[in-house]
Amino acid sequence: VAVLMLTHVNYRTGAMHDMSAVTAA
């Protein structure tokens, strides 16, 4: 994997990622 590309808050469900945890991963 070169790049992980995510939307912080999902446009459909409104689910939000833990930005710090995901970035660290």
PDBML (XML) file of the C-alpha atoms, coordinates in Angstrom:
<?xml version="1.0" encoding="UTF-8" ?>
<PDBx:datablock datablockName="MODEL"
   xmlns:PDBx="http://pdbml.pdb.org/schema/pdbx-v50.xsd"
   xmlns:xsi="http://www.w3.org/2001/XMLSchema-instance"
   xsi:schemaLocation="http://pdbml.pdb.org/schema/pdbx-v50.xsd pdbx-v50.xsd">
   <PDBx:atom_siteCategory>
      <PDBx:atom_site id="1">
         <PDBx:B_iso_or_equiv>0.00</PDBx:B_iso_or_equiv>
         <PDBx:Cartn_x>0.000</PDBx:Cartn_x>
         <PDBx:Cartn_y>0.000</PDBx:Cartn_y>
         <PDBx:Cartn_z>0.000</PDBx:Cartn_z>
         <PDBx:auth_asym_id>A</PDBx:auth_asym_id>
         <PDBx:auth_atom_id>CA</PDBx:auth_atom_id>
         <PDBx:auth_comp_id>VAL</PDBx:auth_comp_id>
         <PDBx:auth_seq_id>1</PDBx:auth_seq_id>
         <PDBx:group_PDB>ATOM</PDBx:group_PDB>
         <PDBx:label_alt_id xsi:nil="true" />
         <PDBx:label_asym_id>A</PDBx:label_asym_id>
         <PDBx:label_atom_id>CA</PDBx:label_atom_id>
         <PDBx:label_comp_id>VAL</PDBx:label_comp_id>
         <PDBx:label_entity_id>1</PDBx:label_entity_id>
         <PDBx:label_seq_id>1</PDBx:label_seq_id>
         <PDBx:occupancy>1.00</PDBx:occupancy>
         <PDBx:pdbx_PDB_model_num>1</PDBx:pdbx_PDB_model_num>
         <PDBx:type_symbol>C</PDBx:type_symbol>
      </PDBx:atom_site>
      <PDBx:atom_site id="2">
         <PDBx:B_iso_or_equiv>0.00</PDBx:B_iso_or_equiv>
         <PDBx:Cartn_x>1.316</PDBx:Cartn_x>
         <PDBx:Cartn_y>3.412</PDBx:Cartn_y>
         <PDBx:Cartn_z>-1.047</PDBx:Cartn_z>
         <PDBx:auth_asym_id>A</PDBx:auth_asym_id>
         <PDBx:auth_atom_id>CA</PDBx:auth_atom_id>
         <PDBx:auth_comp_id>ALA</PDBx:auth_comp_id>
         <PDBx:auth_seq_id>2</PDBx:auth_seq_id>
         <PDBx:group_PDB>ATOM</PDBx:group_PDB>
         <PDBx:label_alt_id xsi:nil="true" />
         <PDBx:label_asym_id>A</PDBx:label_asym_id>
         <PDBx:label_atom_id>CA</PDBx:label_atom_id>
         <PDBx:label_comp_id>ALA</PDBx:label_comp_id>
         <PDBx:label_entity_id>1</PDBx:label_entity_id>
         <PDBx:label_seq_id>2</PDBx:label_seq_id>
         <PDBx:occupancy>1.00</PDBx:occupancy>
         <PDBx:pdbx_PDB_model_num>1</PDBx:pdbx_PDB_model_num>
         <PDBx:type_symbol>C</PDBx:type_symbol>
      </PDBx:atom_site>
      <PDBx:atom_site id="3">
         <PDBx:B_iso_or_equiv>0.00</PDBx:B_iso_or_equiv>
         <PDBx:Cartn_x>-1.600</PDBx:Cartn_x>
         <PDBx:Cartn_y>5.621</PDBx:Cartn_y>
         <PDBx:Cartn_z>0.000</PDBx:Cartn_z>
         <PDBx:auth_asym_id>A</PDBx:auth_asym_id>
         <PDBx:auth_atom_id>CA</PDBx:auth_atom_id>
         <PDBx:auth_comp_id>VAL</PDBx:auth_comp_id>
         <PDBx:auth_seq_id>3</PDBx:auth_seq_id>
         <PDBx:group_PDB>ATOM</PDBx:group_PDB>
         <PDBx:label_alt_id xsi:nil="true" />
         <PDBx:label_asym_id>A</PDBx:label_asym_id>
         <PDBx:label_atom_id>CA</PDBx:label_atom_id>
         <PDBx:label_comp_id>VAL</PDBx:label_comp_id>
         <PDBx:label_entity_id>1</PDBx:label_entity_id>
         <PDBx:label_seq_id>3</PDBx:label_seq_id>
         <PDBx:occupancy>1.00</PDBx:occupancy>
         <PDBx:pdbx_PDB_model_num>1</PDBx:pdbx_PDB_model_num>
         <PDBx:type_symbol>C</PDBx:type_symbol>
      </PDBx:atom_site>
      <PDBx:atom_site id="4">
         <PDBx:B_iso_or_equiv>0.00</PDBx:B_iso_or_equiv>
         <PDBx:Cartn_x>-4.611</PDBx:Cartn_x>
         <PDBx:Cartn_y>5.262</PDBx:Cartn_y>
         <PDBx:Cartn_z>2.271</PDBx:Cartn_z>
         <PDBx:auth_asym_id>A</PDBx:auth_asym_id>
         <PDBx:auth_atom_id>CA</PDBx:auth_atom_id>
         <PDBx:auth_comp_id>LEU</PDBx:auth_comp_id>
         <PDBx:auth_seq_id>4</PDBx:auth_seq_id>
         <PDBx:group_PDB>ATOM</PDBx:group_PDB>
         <PDBx:label_alt_id xsi:nil="true" />
         <PDBx:label_asym_id>A</PDBx:label_asym_id>
         <PDBx:label_atom_id>CA</PDBx:label_atom_id>
         <PDBx:label_comp_id>LEU</PDBx:label_comp_id>
         <PDBx:label_entity_id>1</PDBx:label_entity_id>
         <PDBx:label_seq_id>4</PDBx:label_seq_id>
         <PDBx:occupancy>1.00</PDBx:occupancy>
         <PDBx:pdbx_PDB_model_num>1</PDBx:pdbx_PDB_model_num>
         <PDBx:type_symbol>C</PDBx:type_symbol>
      </PDBx:atom_site>
      <PDBx:atom_site id="5">
         <PDBx:B_iso_or_equiv>0.00</PDBx:B_iso_or_equiv>
         <PDBx:Cartn_x>-7.302</PDBx:Cartn_x>
         <PDBx:Cartn_y>7.683</PDBx:Cartn_y>
         <PDBx:Cartn_z>1.060</PDBx:Cartn_z>
         <PDBx:auth_asym_id>A</PDBx:auth_asym_id>
         <PDBx:auth_atom_id>CA</PDBx:auth_atom_id>
         <PDBx:auth_comp_id>MET</PDBx:auth_comp_id>
         <PDBx:auth_seq_id>5</PDBx:auth_seq_id>
         <PDBx:group_PDB>ATOM</PDBx:group_PDB>
         <PDBx:label_alt_id xsi:nil="true" />
         <PDBx:label_asym_id>A</PDBx:label_asym_id>
         <PDBx:label_atom_id>CA</PDBx:label_atom_id>
         <PDBx:label_comp_id>MET</PDBx:label_comp_id>
         <PDBx:label_entity_id>1</PDBx:label_entity_id>
         <PDBx:label_seq_id>5</PDBx:label_seq_id>
         <PDBx:occupancy>1.00</PDBx:occupancy>
         <PDBx:pdbx_PDB_model_num>1</PDBx:pdbx_PDB_model_num>
         <PDBx:type_symbol>C</PDBx:type_symbol>
      </PDBx:atom_site>
      <PDBx:atom_site id="6">
         <PDBx:B_iso_or_equiv>0.00</PDBx:B_iso_or_equiv>
         <PDBx:Cartn_x>-10.349</PDBx:Cartn_x>
         <PDBx:Cartn_y>8.123</PDBx:Cartn_y>
         <PDBx:Cartn_z>3.282</PDBx:Cartn_z>
         <PDBx:auth_asym_id>A</PDBx:auth_asym_id>
         <PDBx:auth_atom_id>CA</PDBx:auth_atom_id>
         <PDBx:auth_comp_id>LEU</PDBx:auth_comp_id>
         <PDBx:auth_seq_id>6</PDBx:auth_seq_id>
         <PDBx:group_PDB>ATOM</PDBx:group_PDB>
         <PDBx:label_alt_id xsi:nil="true" />
         <PDBx:label_asym_id>A</PDBx:label_asym_id>
         <PDBx:label_atom_id>CA</PDBx:label_atom_id>
         <PDBx:label_comp_id>LEU</PDBx:label_comp_id>
         <PDBx:label_entity_id>1</PDBx:label_entity_id>
         <PDBx:label_seq_id>6</PDBx:label_seq_id>
         <PDBx:occupancy>1.00</PDBx:occupancy>
         <PDBx:pdbx_PDB_model_num>1</PDBx:pdbx_PDB_model_num>
         <PDBx:type_symbol>C</PDBx:type_symbol>
      </PDBx:atom_site>
      <PDBx:atom_site id="7">
         <PDBx:B_iso_or_equiv>0.00</PDBx:B_iso_or_equiv>
         <PDBx:Cartn_x>-13.157</PDBx:Cartn_x>
         <PDBx:Cartn_y>10.569</PDBx:Cartn_y>
         <PDBx:Cartn_z>3.885</PDBx:Cartn_z>
         <PDBx:auth_asym_id>A</PDBx:auth_asym_id>
         <PDBx:auth_atom_id>CA</PDBx:auth_atom_id>
         <PDBx:auth_comp_id>THR</PDBx:auth_comp_id>
         <PDBx:auth_seq_id>7</PDBx:auth_seq_id>
         <PDBx:group_PDB>ATOM</PDBx:group_PDB>
         <PDBx:label_alt_id xsi:nil="true" />
         <PDBx:label_asym_id>A</PDBx:label_asym_id>
         <PDBx:label_atom_id>CA</PDBx:label_atom_id>
         <PDBx:label_comp_id>THR</PDBx:label_comp_id>
         <PDBx:label_entity_id>1</PDBx:label_entity_id>
         <PDBx:label_seq_id>7</PDBx:label_seq_id>
         <PDBx:occupancy>1.00</PDBx:occupancy>
         <PDBx:pdbx_PDB_model_num>1</PDBx:pdbx_PDB_model_num>
         <PDBx:type_symbol>C</PDBx:type_symbol>
      </PDBx:atom_site>
      <PDBx:atom_site id="8">
         <PDBx:B_iso_or_equiv>0.00</PDBx:B_iso_or_equiv>
         <PDBx:Cartn_x>-13.173</PDBx:Cartn_x>
         <PDBx:Cartn_y>11.472</PDBx:Cartn_y>
         <PDBx:Cartn_z>7.571</PDBx:Cartn_z>
         <PDBx:auth_asym_id>A</PDBx:auth_asym_id>
         <PDBx:auth_atom_id>CA</PDBx:auth_atom_id>
         <PDBx:auth_comp_id>HIS</PDBx:auth_comp_id>
         <PDBx:auth_seq_id>8</PDBx:auth_seq_id>
         <PDBx:group_PDB>ATOM</PDBx:group_PDB>
         <PDBx:label_alt_id xsi:nil="true" />
         <PDBx:label_asym_id>A</PDBx:label_asym_id>
         <PDBx:label_atom_id>CA</PDBx:label_atom_id>
         <PDBx:label_comp_id>HIS</PDBx:label_comp_id>
         <PDBx:label_entity_id>1</PDBx:label_entity_id>
         <PDBx:label_seq_id>8</PDBx:label_seq_id>
         <PDBx:occupancy>1.00</PDBx:occupancy>
         <PDBx:pdbx_PDB_model_num>1</PDBx:pdbx_PDB_model_num>
         <PDBx:type_symbol>C</PDBx:type_symbol>
      </PDBx:atom_site>
      <PDBx:atom_site id="9">
         <PDBx:B_iso_or_equiv>0.00</PDBx:B_iso_or_equiv>
         <PDBx:Cartn_x>-16.980</PDBx:Cartn_x>
         <PDBx:Cartn_y>11.372</PDBx:Cartn_y>
         <PDBx:Cartn_z>7.835</PDBx:Cartn_z>
         <PDBx:auth_asym_id>A</PDBx:auth_asym_id>
         <PDBx:auth_atom_id>CA</PDBx:auth_atom_id>
         <PDBx:auth_comp_id>VAL</PDBx:auth_comp_id>
         <PDBx:auth_seq_id>9</PDBx:auth_seq_id>
         <PDBx:group_PDB>ATOM</PDBx:group_PDB>
         <PDBx:label_alt_id xsi:nil="true" />
         <PDBx:label_asym_id>A</PDBx:label_asym_id>
         <PDBx:label_atom_id>CA</PDBx:label_atom_id>
         <PDBx:label_comp_id>VAL</PDBx:label_comp_id>
         <PDBx:label_entity_id>1</PDBx:label_entity_id>
         <PDBx:label_seq_id>9</PDBx:label_seq_id>
         <PDBx:occupancy>1.00</PDBx:occupancy>
         <PDBx:pdbx_PDB_model_num>1</PDBx:pdbx_PDB_model_num>
         <PDBx:type_symbol>C</PDBx:type_symbol>
      </PDBx:atom_site>
      <PDBx:atom_site id="10">
         <PDBx:B_iso_or_equiv>0.00</PDBx:B_iso_or_equiv>
         <PDBx:Cartn_x>-18.781</PDBx:Cartn_x>
         <PDBx:Cartn_y>9.041</PDBx:Cartn_y>
         <PDBx:Cartn_z>5.456</PDBx:Cartn_z>
         <PDBx:auth_asym_id>A</PDBx:auth_asym_id>
         <PDBx:auth_atom_id>CA</PDBx:auth_atom_id>
         <PDBx:auth_comp_id>ASN</PDBx:auth_comp_id>
         <PDBx:auth_seq_id>10</PDBx:auth_seq_id>
         <PDBx:group_PDB>ATOM</PDBx:group_PDB>
         <PDBx:label_alt_id xsi:nil="true" />
         <PDBx:label_asym_id>A</PDBx:label_asym_id>
         <PDBx:label_atom_id>CA</PDBx:label_atom_id>
         <PDBx:label_comp_id>ASN</PDBx:label_comp_id>
         <PDBx:label_entity_id>1</PDBx:label_entity_id>
         <PDBx:label_seq_id>10</PDBx:label_seq_id>
         <PDBx:occupancy>1.00</PDBx:occupancy>
         <PDBx:pdbx_PDB_model_num>1</PDBx:pdbx_PDB_model_num>
         <PDBx:type_symbol>C</PDBx:type_symbol>
      </PDBx:atom_site>
      <PDBx:atom_site id="11">
         <PDBx:B_iso_or_equiv>0.00</PDBx:B_iso_or_equiv>
         <PDBx:Cartn_x>-21.167</PDBx:Cartn_x>
         <PDBx:Cartn_y>10.942</PDBx:Cartn_y>
         <PDBx:Cartn_z>3.199</PDBx:Cartn_z>
         <PDBx:auth_asym_id>A</PDBx:auth_asym_id>
         <PDBx:auth_atom_id>CA</PDBx:auth_atom_id>
         <PDBx:auth_comp_id>TYR</PDBx:auth_comp_id>
         <PDBx:auth_seq_id>11</PDBx:auth_seq_id>
         <PDBx:group_PDB>ATOM</PDBx:group_PDB>
         <PDBx:label_alt_id xsi:nil="true" />
         <PDBx:label_asym_id>A</PDBx:label_asym_id>
         <PDBx:label_atom_id>CA</PDBx:label_atom_id>
         <PDBx:label_comp_id>TYR</PDBx:label_comp_id>
         <PDBx:label_entity_id>1</PDBx:label_entity_id>
         <PDBx:label_seq_id>11</PDBx:label_seq_id>
         <PDBx:occupancy>1.00</PDBx:occupancy>
         <PDBx:pdbx_PDB_model_num>1</PDBx:pdbx_PDB_model_num>
         <PDBx:type_symbol>C</PDBx:type_symbol>
      </PDBx:atom_site>
      <PDBx:atom_site id="12">
         <PDBx:B_iso_or_equiv>0.00</PDBx:B_iso_or_equiv>
         <PDBx:Cartn_x>-23.798</PDBx:Cartn_x>
         <PDBx:Cartn_y>8.208</PDBx:Cartn_y>
         <PDBx:Cartn_z>3.274</PDBx:Cartn_z>
         <PDBx:auth_asym_id>A</PDBx:auth_asym_id>
         <PDBx:auth_atom_id>CA</PDBx:auth_atom_id>
         <PDBx:auth_comp_id>ARG</PDBx:auth_comp_id>
         <PDBx:auth_seq_id>12</PDBx:auth_seq_id>
         <PDBx:group_PDB>ATOM</PDBx:group_PDB>
         <PDBx:label_alt_id xsi:nil="true" />
         <PDBx:label_asym_id>A</PDBx:label_asym_id>
         <PDBx:label_atom_id>CA</PDBx:label_atom_id>
         <PDBx:label_comp_id>ARG</PDBx:label_comp_id>
         <PDBx:label_entity_id>1</PDBx:label_entity_id>
         <PDBx:label_seq_id>12</PDBx:label_seq_id>
         <PDBx:occupancy>1.00</PDBx:occupancy>
         <PDBx:pdbx_PDB_model_num>1</PDBx:pdbx_PDB_model_num>
         <PDBx:type_symbol>C</PDBx:type_symbol>
      </PDBx:atom_site>
      <PDBx:atom_site id="13">
         <PDBx:B_iso_or_equiv>0.00</PDBx:B_iso_or_equiv>
         <PDBx:Cartn_x>-23.796</PDBx:Cartn_x>
         <PDBx:Cartn_y>6.913</PDBx:Cartn_y>
         <PDBx:Cartn_z>6.879</PDBx:Cartn_z>
         <PDBx:auth_asym_id>A</PDBx:auth_asym_id>
         <PDBx:auth_atom_id>CA</PDBx:auth_atom_id>
         <PDBx:auth_comp_id>THR</PDBx:auth_comp_id>
         <PDBx:auth_seq_id>13</PDBx:auth_seq_id>
         <PDBx:group_PDB>ATOM</PDBx:group_PDB>
         <PDBx:label_alt_id xsi:nil="true" />
         <PDBx:label_asym_id>A</PDBx:label_asym_id>
         <PDBx:label_atom_id>CA</PDBx:label_atom_id>
         <PDBx:label_comp_id>THR</PDBx:label_comp_id>
         <PDBx:label_entity_id>1</PDBx:label_entity_id>
         <PDBx:label_seq_id>13</PDBx:label_seq_id>
         <PDBx:occupancy>1.00</PDBx:occupancy>
         <PDBx:pdbx_PDB_model_num>1</PDBx:pdbx_PDB_model_num>
         <PDBx:type_symbol>C</PDBx:type_symbol>
      </PDBx:atom_site>
      <PDBx:atom_site id="14">
         <PDBx:B_iso_or_equiv>0.00</PDBx:B_iso_or_equiv>
         <PDBx:Cartn_x>-22.219</PDBx:Cartn_x>
         <PDBx:Cartn_y>9.765</PDBx:Cartn_y>
         <PDBx:Cartn_z>8.822</PDBx:Cartn_z>
         <PDBx:auth_asym_id>A</PDBx:auth_asym_id>
         <PDBx:auth_atom_id>CA</PDBx:auth_atom_id>
         <PDBx:auth_comp_id>GLY</PDBx:auth_comp_id>
         <PDBx:auth_seq_id>14</PDBx:auth_seq_id>
         <PDBx:group_PDB>ATOM</PDBx:group_PDB>
         <PDBx:label_alt_id xsi:nil="true" />
         <PDBx:label_asym_id>A</PDBx:label_asym_id>
         <PDBx:label_atom_id>CA</PDBx:label_atom_id>
         <PDBx:label_comp_id>GLY</PDBx:label_comp_id>
         <PDBx:label_entity_id>1</PDBx:label_entity_id>
         <PDBx:label_seq_id>14</PDBx:label_seq_id>
         <PDBx:occupancy>1.00</PDBx:occupancy>
         <PDBx:pdbx_PDB_model_num>1</PDBx:pdbx_PDB_model_num>
         <PDBx:type_symbol>C</PDBx:type_symbol>
      </PDBx:atom_site>
      <PDBx:atom_site id="15">
         <PDBx:B_iso_or_equiv>0.00</PDBx:B_iso_or_equiv>
         <PDBx:Cartn_x>-19.747</PDBx:Cartn_x>
         <PDBx:Cartn_y>7.311</PDBx:Cartn_y>
         <PDBx:Cartn_z>10.390</PDBx:Cartn_z>
         <PDBx:auth_asym_id>A</PDBx:auth_asym_id>
         <PDBx:auth_atom_id>CA</PDBx:auth_atom_id>
         <PDBx:auth_comp_id>ALA</PDBx:auth_comp_id>
         <PDBx:auth_seq_id>15</PDBx:auth_seq_id>
         <PDBx:group_PDB>ATOM</PDBx:group_PDB>
         <PDBx:label_alt_id xsi:nil="true" />
         <PDBx:label_asym_id>A</PDBx:label_asym_id>
         <PDBx:label_atom_id>CA</PDBx:label_atom_id>
         <PDBx:label_comp_id>ALA</PDBx:label_comp_id>
         <PDBx:label_entity_id>1</PDBx:label_entity_id>
         <PDBx:label_seq_id>15</PDBx:label_seq_id>
         <PDBx:occupancy>1.00</PDBx:occupancy>
         <PDBx:pdbx_PDB_model_num>1</PDBx:pdbx_PDB_model_num>
         <PDBx:type_symbol>C</PDBx:type_symbol>
      </PDBx:atom_site>
      <PDBx:atom_site id="16">
         <PDBx:B_iso_or_equiv>0.00</PDBx:B_iso_or_equiv>
         <PDBx:Cartn_x>-16.536</PDBx:Cartn_x>
         <PDBx:Cartn_y>9.053</PDBx:Cartn_y>
         <PDBx:Cartn_z>11.465</PDBx:Cartn_z>
         <PDBx:auth_asym_id>A</PDBx:auth_asym_id>
         <PDBx:auth_atom_id>CA</PDBx:auth_atom_id>
         <PDBx:auth_comp_id>MET</PDBx:auth_comp_id>
         <PDBx:auth_seq_id>16</PDBx:auth_seq_id>
         <PDBx:group_PDB>ATOM</PDBx:group_PDB>
         <PDBx:label_alt_id xsi:nil="true" />
         <PDBx:label_asym_id>A</PDBx:label_asym_id>
         <PDBx:label_atom_id>CA</PDBx:label_atom_id>
         <PDBx:label_comp_id>MET</PDBx:label_comp_id>
         <PDBx:label_entity_id>1</PDBx:label_entity_id>
         <PDBx:label_seq_id>16</PDBx:label_seq_id>
         <PDBx:occupancy>1.00</PDBx:occupancy>
         <PDBx:pdbx_PDB_model_num>1</PDBx:pdbx_PDB_model_num>
         <PDBx:type_symbol>C</PDBx:type_symbol>
      </PDBx:atom_site>
      <PDBx:atom_site id="17">
         <PDBx:B_iso_or_equiv>0.00</PDBx:B_iso_or_equiv>
         <PDBx:Cartn_x>-13.046</PDBx:Cartn_x>
         <PDBx:Cartn_y>7.584</PDBx:Cartn_y>
         <PDBx:Cartn_z>11.529</PDBx:Cartn_z>
         <PDBx:auth_asym_id>A</PDBx:auth_asym_id>
         <PDBx:auth_atom_id>CA</PDBx:auth_atom_id>
         <PDBx:auth_comp_id>HIS</PDBx:auth_comp_id>
         <PDBx:auth_seq_id>17</PDBx:auth_seq_id>
         <PDBx:group_PDB>ATOM</PDBx:group_PDB>
         <PDBx:label_alt_id xsi:nil="true" />
         <PDBx:label_asym_id>A</PDBx:label_asym_id>
         <PDBx:label_atom_id>CA</PDBx:label_atom_id>
         <PDBx:label_comp_id>HIS</PDBx:label_comp_id>
         <PDBx:label_entity_id>1</PDBx:label_entity_id>
         <PDBx:label_seq_id>17</PDBx:label_seq_id>
         <PDBx:occupancy>1.00</PDBx:occupancy>
         <PDBx:pdbx_PDB_model_num>1</PDBx:pdbx_PDB_model_num>
         <PDBx:type_symbol>C</PDBx:type_symbol>
      </PDBx:atom_site>
      <PDBx:atom_site id="18">
         <PDBx:B_iso_or_equiv>0.00</PDBx:B_iso_or_equiv>
         <PDBx:Cartn_x>-10.617</PDBx:Cartn_x>
         <PDBx:Cartn_y>8.041</PDBx:Cartn_y>
         <PDBx:Cartn_z>14.394</PDBx:Cartn_z>
         <PDBx:auth_asym_id>A</PDBx:auth_asym_id>
         <PDBx:auth_atom_id>CA</PDBx:auth_atom_id>
         <PDBx:auth_comp_id>ASP</PDBx:auth_comp_id>
         <PDBx:auth_seq_id>18</PDBx:auth_seq_id>
         <PDBx:group_PDB>ATOM</PDBx:group_PDB>
         <PDBx:label_alt_id xsi:nil="true" />
         <PDBx:label_asym_id>A</PDBx:label_asym_id>
         <PDBx:label_atom_id>CA</PDBx:label_atom_id>
         <PDBx:label_comp_id>ASP</PDBx:label_comp_id>
         <PDBx:label_entity_id>1</PDBx:label_entity_id>
         <PDBx:label_seq_id>18</PDBx:label_seq_id>
         <PDBx:occupancy>1.00</PDBx:occupancy>
         <PDBx:pdbx_PDB_model_num>1</PDBx:pdbx_PDB_model_num>
         <PDBx:type_symbol>C</PDBx:type_symbol>
      </PDBx:atom_site>
      <PDBx:atom_site id="19">
         <PDBx:B_iso_or_equiv>0.00</PDBx:B_iso_or_equiv>
         <PDBx:Cartn_x>-8.203</PDBx:Cartn_x>
         <PDBx:Cartn_y>10.265</PDBx:Cartn_y>
         <PDBx:Cartn_z>12.484</PDBx:Cartn_z>
         <PDBx:auth_asym_id>A</PDBx:auth_asym_id>
         <PDBx:auth_atom_id>CA</PDBx:auth_atom_id>
         <PDBx:auth_comp_id>MET</PDBx:auth_comp_id>
         <PDBx:auth_seq_id>19</PDBx:auth_seq_id>
         <PDBx:group_PDB>ATOM</PDBx:group_PDB>
         <PDBx:label_alt_id xsi:nil="true" />
         <PDBx:label_asym_id>A</PDBx:label_asym_id>
         <PDBx:label_atom_id>CA</PDBx:label_atom_id>
         <PDBx:label_comp_id>MET</PDBx:label_comp_id>
         <PDBx:label_entity_id>1</PDBx:label_entity_id>
         <PDBx:label_seq_id>19</PDBx:label_seq_id>
         <PDBx:occupancy>1.00</PDBx:occupancy>
         <PDBx:pdbx_PDB_model_num>1</PDBx:pdbx_PDB_model_num>
         <PDBx:type_symbol>C</PDBx:type_symbol>
      </PDBx:atom_site>
      <PDBx:atom_site id="20">
         <PDBx:B_iso_or_equiv>0.00</PDBx:B_iso_or_equiv>
         <PDBx:Cartn_x>-5.251</PDBx:Cartn_x>
         <PDBx:Cartn_y>9.823</PDBx:Cartn_y>
         <PDBx:Cartn_z>14.809</PDBx:Cartn_z>
         <PDBx:auth_asym_id>A</PDBx:auth_asym_id>
         <PDBx:auth_atom_id>CA</PDBx:auth_atom_id>
         <PDBx:auth_comp_id>SER</PDBx:auth_comp_id>
         <PDBx:auth_seq_id>20</PDBx:auth_seq_id>
         <PDBx:group_PDB>ATOM</PDBx:group_PDB>
         <PDBx:label_alt_id xsi:nil="true" />
         <PDBx:label_asym_id>A</PDBx:label_asym_id>
         <PDBx:label_atom_id>CA</PDBx:label_atom_id>
         <PDBx:label_comp_id>SER</PDBx:label_comp_id>
         <PDBx:label_entity_id>1</PDBx:label_entity_id>
         <PDBx:label_seq_id>20</PDBx:label_seq_id>
         <PDBx:occupancy>1.00</PDBx:occupancy>
         <PDBx:pdbx_PDB_model_num>1</PDBx:pdbx_PDB_model_num>
         <PDBx:type_symbol>C</PDBx:type_symbol>
      </PDBx:atom_site>
      <PDBx:atom_site id="21">
         <PDBx:B_iso_or_equiv>0.00</PDBx:B_iso_or_equiv>
         <PDBx:Cartn_x>-5.582</PDBx:Cartn_x>
         <PDBx:Cartn_y>6.050</PDBx:Cartn_y>
         <PDBx:Cartn_z>15.087</PDBx:Cartn_z>
         <PDBx:auth_asym_id>A</PDBx:auth_asym_id>
         <PDBx:auth_atom_id>CA</PDBx:auth_atom_id>
         <PDBx:auth_comp_id>ALA</PDBx:auth_comp_id>
         <PDBx:auth_seq_id>21</PDBx:auth_seq_id>
         <PDBx:group_PDB>ATOM</PDBx:group_PDB>
         <PDBx:label_alt_id xsi:nil="true" />
         <PDBx:label_asym_id>A</PDBx:label_asym_id>
         <PDBx:label_atom_id>CA</PDBx:label_atom_id>
         <PDBx:label_comp_id>ALA</PDBx:label_comp_id>
         <PDBx:label_entity_id>1</PDBx:label_entity_id>
         <PDBx:label_seq_id>21</PDBx:label_seq_id>
         <PDBx:occupancy>1.00</PDBx:occupancy>
         <PDBx:pdbx_PDB_model_num>1</PDBx:pdbx_PDB_model_num>
         <PDBx:type_symbol>C</PDBx:type_symbol>
      </PDBx:atom_site>
      <PDBx:atom_site id="22">
         <PDBx:B_iso_or_equiv>0.00</PDBx:B_iso_or_equiv>
         <PDBx:Cartn_x>-6.100</PDBx:Cartn_x>
         <PDBx:Cartn_y>5.466</PDBx:Cartn_y>
         <PDBx:Cartn_z>11.367</PDBx:Cartn_z>
         <PDBx:auth_asym_id>A</PDBx:auth_asym_id>
         <PDBx:auth_atom_id>CA</PDBx:auth_atom_id>
         <PDBx:auth_comp_id>VAL</PDBx:auth_comp_id>
         <PDBx:auth_seq_id>22</PDBx:auth_seq_id>
         <PDBx:group_PDB>ATOM</PDBx:group_PDB>
         <PDBx:label_alt_id xsi:nil="true" />
         <PDBx:label_asym_id>A</PDBx:label_asym_id>
         <PDBx:label_atom_id>CA</PDBx:label_atom_id>
         <PDBx:label_comp_id>VAL</PDBx:label_comp_id>
         <PDBx:label_entity_id>1</PDBx:label_entity_id>
         <PDBx:label_seq_id>22</PDBx:label_seq_id>
         <PDBx:occupancy>1.00</PDBx:occupancy>
         <PDBx:pdbx_PDB_model_num>1</PDBx:pdbx_PDB_model_num>
         <PDBx:type_symbol>C</PDBx:type_symbol>
      </PDBx:atom_site>
      <PDBx:atom_site id="23">
         <PDBx:B_iso_or_equiv>0.00</PDBx:B_iso_or_equiv>
         <PDBx:Cartn_x>-3.261</PDBx:Cartn_x>
         <PDBx:Cartn_y>7.797</PDBx:Cartn_y>
         <PDBx:Cartn_z>10.396</PDBx:Cartn_z>
         <PDBx:auth_asym_id>A</PDBx:auth_asym_id>
         <PDBx:auth_atom_id>CA</PDBx:auth_atom_id>
         <PDBx:auth_comp_id>THR</PDBx:auth_comp_id>
         <PDBx:auth_seq_id>23</PDBx:auth_seq_id>
         <PDBx:group_PDB>ATOM</PDBx:group_PDB>
         <PDBx:label_alt_id xsi:nil="true" />
         <PDBx:label_asym_id>A</PDBx:label_asym_id>
         <PDBx:label_atom_id>CA</PDBx:label_atom_id>
         <PDBx:label_comp_id>THR</PDBx:label_comp_id>
         <PDBx:label_entity_id>1</PDBx:label_entity_id>
         <PDBx:label_seq_id>23</PDBx:label_seq_id>
         <PDBx:occupancy>1.00</PDBx:occupancy>
         <PDBx:pdbx_PDB_model_num>1</PDBx:pdbx_PDB_model_num>
         <PDBx:type_symbol>C</PDBx:type_symbol>
      </PDBx:atom_site>
      <PDBx:atom_site id="24">
         <PDBx:B_iso_or_equiv>0.00</PDBx:B_iso_or_equiv>
         <PDBx:Cartn_x>-0.945</PDBx:Cartn_x>
         <PDBx:Cartn_y>6.035</PDBx:Cartn_y>
         <PDBx:Cartn_z>12.843</PDBx:Cartn_z>
         <PDBx:auth_asym_id>A</PDBx:auth_asym_id>
         <PDBx:auth_atom_id>CA</PDBx:auth_atom_id>
         <PDBx:auth_comp_id>ALA</PDBx:auth_comp_id>
         <PDBx:auth_seq_id>24</PDBx:auth_seq_id>
         <PDBx:group_PDB>ATOM</PDBx:group_PDB>
         <PDBx:label_alt_id xsi:nil="true" />
         <PDBx:label_asym_id>A</PDBx:label_asym_id>
         <PDBx:label_atom_id>CA</PDBx:label_atom_id>
         <PDBx:label_comp_id>ALA</PDBx:label_comp_id>
         <PDBx:label_entity_id>1</PDBx:label_entity_id>
         <PDBx:label_seq_id>24</PDBx:label_seq_id>
         <PDBx:occupancy>1.00</PDBx:occupancy>
         <PDBx:pdbx_PDB_model_num>1</PDBx:pdbx_PDB_model_num>
         <PDBx:type_symbol>C</PDBx:type_symbol>
      </PDBx:atom_site>
      <PDBx:atom_site id="25">
         <PDBx:B_iso_or_equiv>0.00</PDBx:B_iso_or_equiv>
         <PDBx:Cartn_x>-1.932</PDBx:Cartn_x>
         <PDBx:Cartn_y>2.661</PDBx:Cartn_y>
         <PDBx:Cartn_z>11.378</PDBx:Cartn_z>
         <PDBx:auth_asym_id>A</PDBx:auth_asym_id>
         <PDBx:auth_atom_id>CA</PDBx:auth_atom_id>
         <PDBx:auth_comp_id>ALA</PDBx:auth_comp_id>
         <PDBx:auth_seq_id>25</PDBx:auth_seq_id>
         <PDBx:group_PDB>ATOM</PDBx:group_PDB>
         <PDBx:label_alt_id xsi:nil="true" />
         <PDBx:label_asym_id>A</PDBx:label_asym_id>
         <PDBx:label_atom_id>CA</PDBx:label_atom_id>
         <PDBx:label_comp_id>ALA</PDBx:label_comp_id>
         <PDBx:label_entity_id>1</PDBx:label_entity_id>
         <PDBx:label_seq_id>25</PDBx:label_seq_id>
         <PDBx:occupancy>1.00</PDBx:occupancy>
         <PDBx:pdbx_PDB_model_num>1</PDBx:pdbx_PDB_model_num>
         <PDBx:type_symbol>C</PDBx:type_symbol>
      </PDBx:atom_site>
   </PDBx:atom_siteCategory>
</PDBx:datablock>
